[in-house]
Protein backbone atom coordinates (compact mmCIF):
# COMPACT_ATOMS: atom_id res chain seq x y z
CA MET A 1 -41.86 1.40 39.84
CA LYS A 2 -40.93 4.31 41.28
CA LYS A 3 -37.77 6.61 39.45
CA LEU A 4 -35.44 8.04 41.76
CA ASP A 5 -32.05 9.77 41.06
CA MET A 6 -30.26 10.34 37.94
CA ILE A 7 -27.38 8.15 38.52
CA TYR A 8 -25.82 8.64 34.44
CA GLU A 9 -26.49 10.90 31.58
CA GLY A 10 -24.47 10.33 28.21
CA LYS A 11 -24.82 11.73 24.78
CA ALA A 12 -28.38 9.76 23.89
CA LYS A 13 -29.39 8.42 27.62
CA LYS A 14 -30.33 9.41 30.84
CA VAL A 15 -29.79 6.21 33.63
CA PHE A 16 -31.94 6.56 36.95
CA LYS A 17 -32.07 4.46 39.75
CA THR A 18 -35.51 2.87 40.84
CA ASP A 19 -36.83 1.61 44.50
CA ASN A 20 -35.50 -1.63 43.49
CA ASP A 21 -31.54 -1.95 43.58
CA LYS A 22 -31.94 -4.69 40.94
CA LYS A 23 -33.49 -2.65 38.07
CA TYR A 24 -32.60 1.24 36.28
CA ILE A 25 -34.93 3.10 34.18
CA VAL A 26 -33.19 4.56 31.27
CA ASP A 27 -34.92 7.71 29.02
CA TYR A 28 -34.15 8.25 25.63
CA LYS A 29 -32.88 11.70 24.51
CA ASP A 30 -33.68 13.65 20.95
CA ASP A 31 -29.69 14.94 21.30
CA ALA A 32 -27.65 13.84 18.50
CA THR A 33 -23.56 13.73 18.34
CA ALA A 34 -20.80 12.61 15.77
CA PHE A 35 -17.68 12.58 15.39
CA ASN A 36 -17.39 12.19 19.32
CA GLY A 37 -19.22 14.78 20.16
CA VAL A 38 -17.58 17.41 17.81
CA LYS A 39 -20.92 17.55 16.06
CA LYS A 40 -24.03 18.53 17.89
CA GLY A 41 -28.03 18.55 17.02
CA THR A 42 -31.58 17.55 17.75
CA ILE A 43 -33.19 14.89 16.25
CA VAL A 44 -36.46 15.38 17.19
CA GLY A 45 -38.38 12.22 18.11
CA LYS A 46 -35.28 10.18 17.82
CA GLY A 47 -35.81 9.34 21.90
CA VAL A 48 -38.82 7.74 20.92
CA VAL A 49 -37.79 5.91 18.06
CA ASN A 50 -34.99 4.48 19.57
CA ASN A 51 -36.66 3.49 22.79
CA LYS A 52 -39.18 1.22 20.90
CA MET A 53 -36.80 0.15 18.58
CA SER A 54 -34.20 -1.08 20.95
CA ALA A 55 -37.58 -2.43 22.95
CA ALA A 56 -38.32 -4.59 20.02
CA MET A 57 -34.95 -5.79 18.81
CA PHE A 58 -34.22 -6.90 22.76
CA LEU A 59 -37.18 -8.96 23.02
CA MET A 60 -36.78 -10.49 19.73
CA LEU A 61 -32.64 -11.76 20.70
CA GLU A 62 -34.19 -13.01 23.90
CA GLU A 63 -36.65 -15.31 22.36
CA LYS A 64 -33.46 -16.41 20.20
CA GLY A 65 -31.55 -17.07 23.40
CA ILE A 66 -29.73 -13.69 23.75
CA ARG A 67 -29.85 -12.46 27.21
CA THR A 68 -30.06 -9.12 27.54
CA HIS A 69 -30.85 -5.74 30.37
CA PHE A 70 -34.29 -5.56 28.98
CA LEU A 71 -37.48 -6.01 31.32
CA GLU A 72 -40.46 -3.77 30.05
CA LEU A 73 -41.43 -0.47 27.99
CA LEU A 74 -42.56 1.89 30.42
CA SER A 75 -43.38 4.70 28.12
CA ASP A 76 -42.56 6.30 24.65
CA ARG A 77 -39.35 6.82 26.03
CA GLU A 78 -38.59 5.11 28.72
CA SER A 79 -37.83 1.16 29.23
CA LEU A 80 -37.04 -0.68 32.84
CA VAL A 81 -33.77 -2.60 32.39
CA ARG A 82 -31.43 -4.76 34.68
CA ALA A 83 -29.11 -2.62 36.71
CA VAL A 84 -25.84 -4.02 34.70
CA LYS A 85 -22.57 -2.77 35.47
CA ILE A 86 -21.32 -1.77 31.63
CA LEU A 87 -17.99 -3.18 30.59
CA PRO A 88 -15.69 -0.38 29.13
CA VAL A 89 -15.47 -2.28 26.28
CA GLU A 90 -17.45 -1.18 22.88
CA VAL A 91 -17.90 -4.24 20.12
CA ILE A 92 -18.05 -2.95 16.95
CA VAL A 93 -19.37 -5.57 14.53
CA ARG A 94 -18.79 -5.02 10.39
CA ASN A 95 -19.89 -6.95 7.70
CA VAL A 96 -19.94 -4.46 5.01
CA VAL A 97 -17.18 -1.39 4.54
CA ALA A 98 -18.19 1.73 5.60
CA GLY A 99 -17.55 5.18 7.80
CA SER A 100 -14.12 5.64 9.18
CA PHE A 101 -13.31 1.84 8.69
CA ALA A 102 -13.39 2.87 5.03
CA LYS A 103 -11.31 6.14 5.39
CA ARG A 104 -8.88 4.27 7.87
CA LEU A 105 -7.83 1.32 5.49
CA GLY A 106 -8.49 3.22 2.10
CA LEU A 107 -11.51 0.55 1.07
CA GLU A 108 -14.29 1.89 -1.13
CA GLU A 109 -17.37 2.03 0.94
CA GLY A 110 -20.33 -0.32 0.16
CA THR A 111 -18.09 -3.11 -0.41
CA GLU A 112 -18.63 -6.67 1.27
CA ILE A 113 -16.40 -8.13 3.54
CA LYS A 114 -15.58 -11.72 3.28
CA GLU A 115 -15.59 -12.54 7.14
CA THR A 116 -17.43 -10.23 9.42
CA ILE A 117 -14.69 -8.25 11.59
CA LEU A 118 -14.80 -7.68 15.34
CA GLU A 119 -13.19 -4.69 16.41
CA PHE A 120 -13.23 -2.95 20.09
CA CYS A 121 -13.11 0.54 21.72
CA TYR A 122 -12.17 1.30 25.07
CA LYS A 123 -15.36 3.24 26.20
CA ASN A 124 -14.13 6.30 26.98
CA ASP A 125 -15.33 9.61 25.65
CA GLU A 126 -12.59 11.72 26.72
CA LEU A 127 -10.16 9.86 24.71
CA GLY A 128 -12.80 9.36 21.74
CA ASP A 129 -13.42 5.66 22.27
CA PRO A 130 -9.79 4.57 20.76
CA ILE A 131 -9.54 1.11 19.21
CA ILE A 132 -8.06 -1.61 21.26
CA ASN A 133 -7.67 -5.25 20.70
CA ASP A 134 -7.65 -8.10 22.94
CA TYR A 135 -4.36 -7.89 24.77
CA HIS A 136 -5.42 -4.45 25.73
CA ILE A 137 -8.39 -5.85 27.34
CA TYR A 138 -6.32 -8.13 29.67
CA ALA A 139 -3.72 -6.28 29.88
CA LEU A 140 -5.72 -3.21 31.18
CA GLU A 141 -8.28 -5.50 32.93
CA LEU A 142 -11.50 -3.91 31.23
CA ALA A 143 -12.87 -7.53 31.10
CA THR A 144 -11.40 -11.30 31.73
CA ARG A 145 -10.94 -13.60 28.71
CA GLU A 146 -13.85 -15.77 29.97
CA GLN A 147 -15.83 -12.80 29.91
CA LEU A 148 -14.04 -11.28 26.54
CA ASP A 149 -15.00 -15.45 24.67
CA LYS A 150 -18.78 -14.64 25.83
CA ILE A 151 -18.80 -11.10 24.53
CA LYS A 152 -17.61 -12.46 21.22
CA THR A 153 -19.53 -15.69 21.11
CA ASP A 154 -23.01 -13.38 21.86
CA THR A 155 -21.92 -11.07 19.09
CA PHE A 156 -21.71 -13.61 16.33
CA LYS A 157 -24.84 -14.86 16.98
CA ILE A 158 -26.24 -11.21 17.32
CA ASN A 159 -24.72 -10.60 14.40
CA ASP A 160 -26.66 -13.81 12.48
CA ILE A 161 -29.42 -12.97 13.77
CA MET A 162 -30.10 -9.69 13.11
CA LYS A 163 -28.49 -10.02 9.61
CA VAL A 164 -31.55 -12.64 8.64
CA TYR A 165 -34.13 -10.22 10.50
CA PHE A 166 -33.52 -6.95 9.16
CA LYS A 167 -33.06 -8.32 5.55
CA GLU A 168 -36.92 -9.60 6.10
CA LYS A 169 -37.47 -5.67 6.79
CA GLY A 170 -35.88 -4.98 3.32
CA ILE A 171 -32.51 -3.44 5.33
CA ARG A 172 -28.77 -4.06 5.02
CA LEU A 173 -27.20 -4.68 8.23
CA VAL A 174 -24.11 -3.16 7.14
CA ASP A 175 -22.18 -2.55 10.59
CA PHE A 176 -23.47 -1.68 14.30
CA LYS A 177 -21.85 -1.41 17.84
CA LEU A 178 -22.89 -3.32 20.75
CA GLU A 179 -22.18 -3.19 24.84
CA PHE A 180 -22.01 -5.57 27.28
CA GLY A 181 -22.39 -5.41 30.99
CA LEU A 182 -22.15 -7.68 34.27
CA TYR A 183 -25.62 -8.34 36.50
CA ASP A 184 -25.08 -11.02 39.12
CA GLY A 185 -21.83 -12.23 37.60
CA GLU A 186 -23.27 -12.75 34.25
CA VAL A 187 -22.23 -10.75 30.99
CA ILE A 188 -25.40 -9.72 29.28
CA LEU A 189 -26.00 -7.21 26.37
CA ALA A 190 -27.10 -3.98 27.29
CA ASP A 191 -26.97 -0.23 25.74
CA GLU A 192 -29.71 -0.04 23.11
CA ILE A 193 -30.06 -1.08 19.19
CA SER A 194 -31.22 1.31 17.49
CA PRO A 195 -30.52 3.79 14.01
CA ASP A 196 -27.93 5.51 16.43
CA THR A 197 -25.94 2.33 17.06
CA CYS A 198 -26.63 0.79 13.52
CA ARG A 199 -25.32 1.55 10.33
CA LEU A 200 -28.09 0.59 8.02
CA TRP A 201 -28.94 0.71 4.43
CA ASP A 202 -32.03 0.12 2.13
CA LEU A 203 -31.59 -3.62 0.49
CA ALA A 204 -32.93 -2.08 -2.75
CA THR A 205 -31.60 1.20 -2.64
CA ASN A 206 -28.93 1.42 -0.55
CA LYS A 207 -30.62 4.51 0.98
CA LYS A 208 -28.65 5.39 4.21
CA LEU A 209 -31.38 4.69 7.14
CA ASP A 210 -29.33 5.41 10.21
CA LYS A 211 -27.64 8.35 12.02
CA ASP A 212 -24.90 8.65 9.13
CA ARG A 213 -27.92 11.09 7.74
CA PHE A 214 -27.10 13.37 10.45
CA ARG A 215 -23.11 12.81 10.48
CA ARG A 216 -22.83 13.78 6.70
CA ASP A 217 -25.81 16.21 6.43
CA LEU A 218 -28.26 14.24 4.12
CA GLY A 219 -31.35 15.37 5.20
CA GLU A 220 -34.57 13.35 6.26
CA VAL A 221 -33.08 12.43 9.15
CA GLU A 222 -36.29 12.69 11.37
CA GLU A 223 -38.52 10.78 8.40
CA THR A 224 -35.99 8.31 7.67
CA TYR A 225 -35.62 7.40 11.99
CA GLN A 226 -39.41 7.03 11.54
CA GLU A 227 -39.25 4.63 8.69
CA VAL A 228 -36.86 2.32 10.25
CA LEU A 229 -39.50 1.73 13.36
CA LYS A 230 -42.29 1.47 10.93
CA ARG A 231 -40.36 -1.17 9.37
CA ILE A 232 -39.60 -2.67 12.41
CA GLN A 233 -42.84 -2.98 14.15
CA GLY A 234 -44.66 -4.12 10.83
C-alpha cells in the first residue's frame, strides 16, 4: 500500500491518502493536548500505545459484530483503515461521574450513574466541540435520524462490550468518546479507542490510567499509557 498526500492533521493523528481511494493510512502522534488545545505537550510513546491499543480494541469489537474502519496494523505508529467520511458528531458515553460532567452538574467525581448517559458534541475545534442534542443534529443536518439511531444502537452495544472487556483487565470504564463515519453509505465506528479517548481507572485503587494524568499534572503519564497497553495485550 503506497502512502500518498496527507489529507488531515488533527491533535493526535495524521491521515494520508493511499493508492487505493477506499483506504487511508492513519499515523498516530505523540502530541498531547487538553482543554480544547489550551494545554499542549508531548507524551513520549503515546502514538505507539494508541495505535496498538486502537487496533486491539477494533479487532475485538469486530469479533462482537461492530463494524469499524480498522483494516490492518502497518507499523508501531500506523494503521490502514477504511476511507470513511467522519460525521461531525462526537458521542460521549458516561458510566461514572467524572471530569467536566462532574463540574457542570455539581456532582462528586466517582459517583456511579444509574443509567448510562449519552452526550453529543458538535465536532468543531474552533468552537470547542460544544454540547448539542438530537434536535441540533437534525436541524443542522449533521446526521440523519437513521444515522443517529444507528450511532446510538452501536454505542450502547459498544459500551456493554467494553465494560466487560476492561473489567477483565482490572480496569473501570468511567467514560469515553466515539466518532463514527460513513463508508459506502453505512455508518461505522472510526477514530480511535485509547487512553486519550477513554477515562480508565484501576478497578482496585481507582488510580487514573488515562489522559487525566496529563490534564491534571498527576505524573507517571508515559508509564501509565504503557501499563494500559500491557493489560490490553495480556
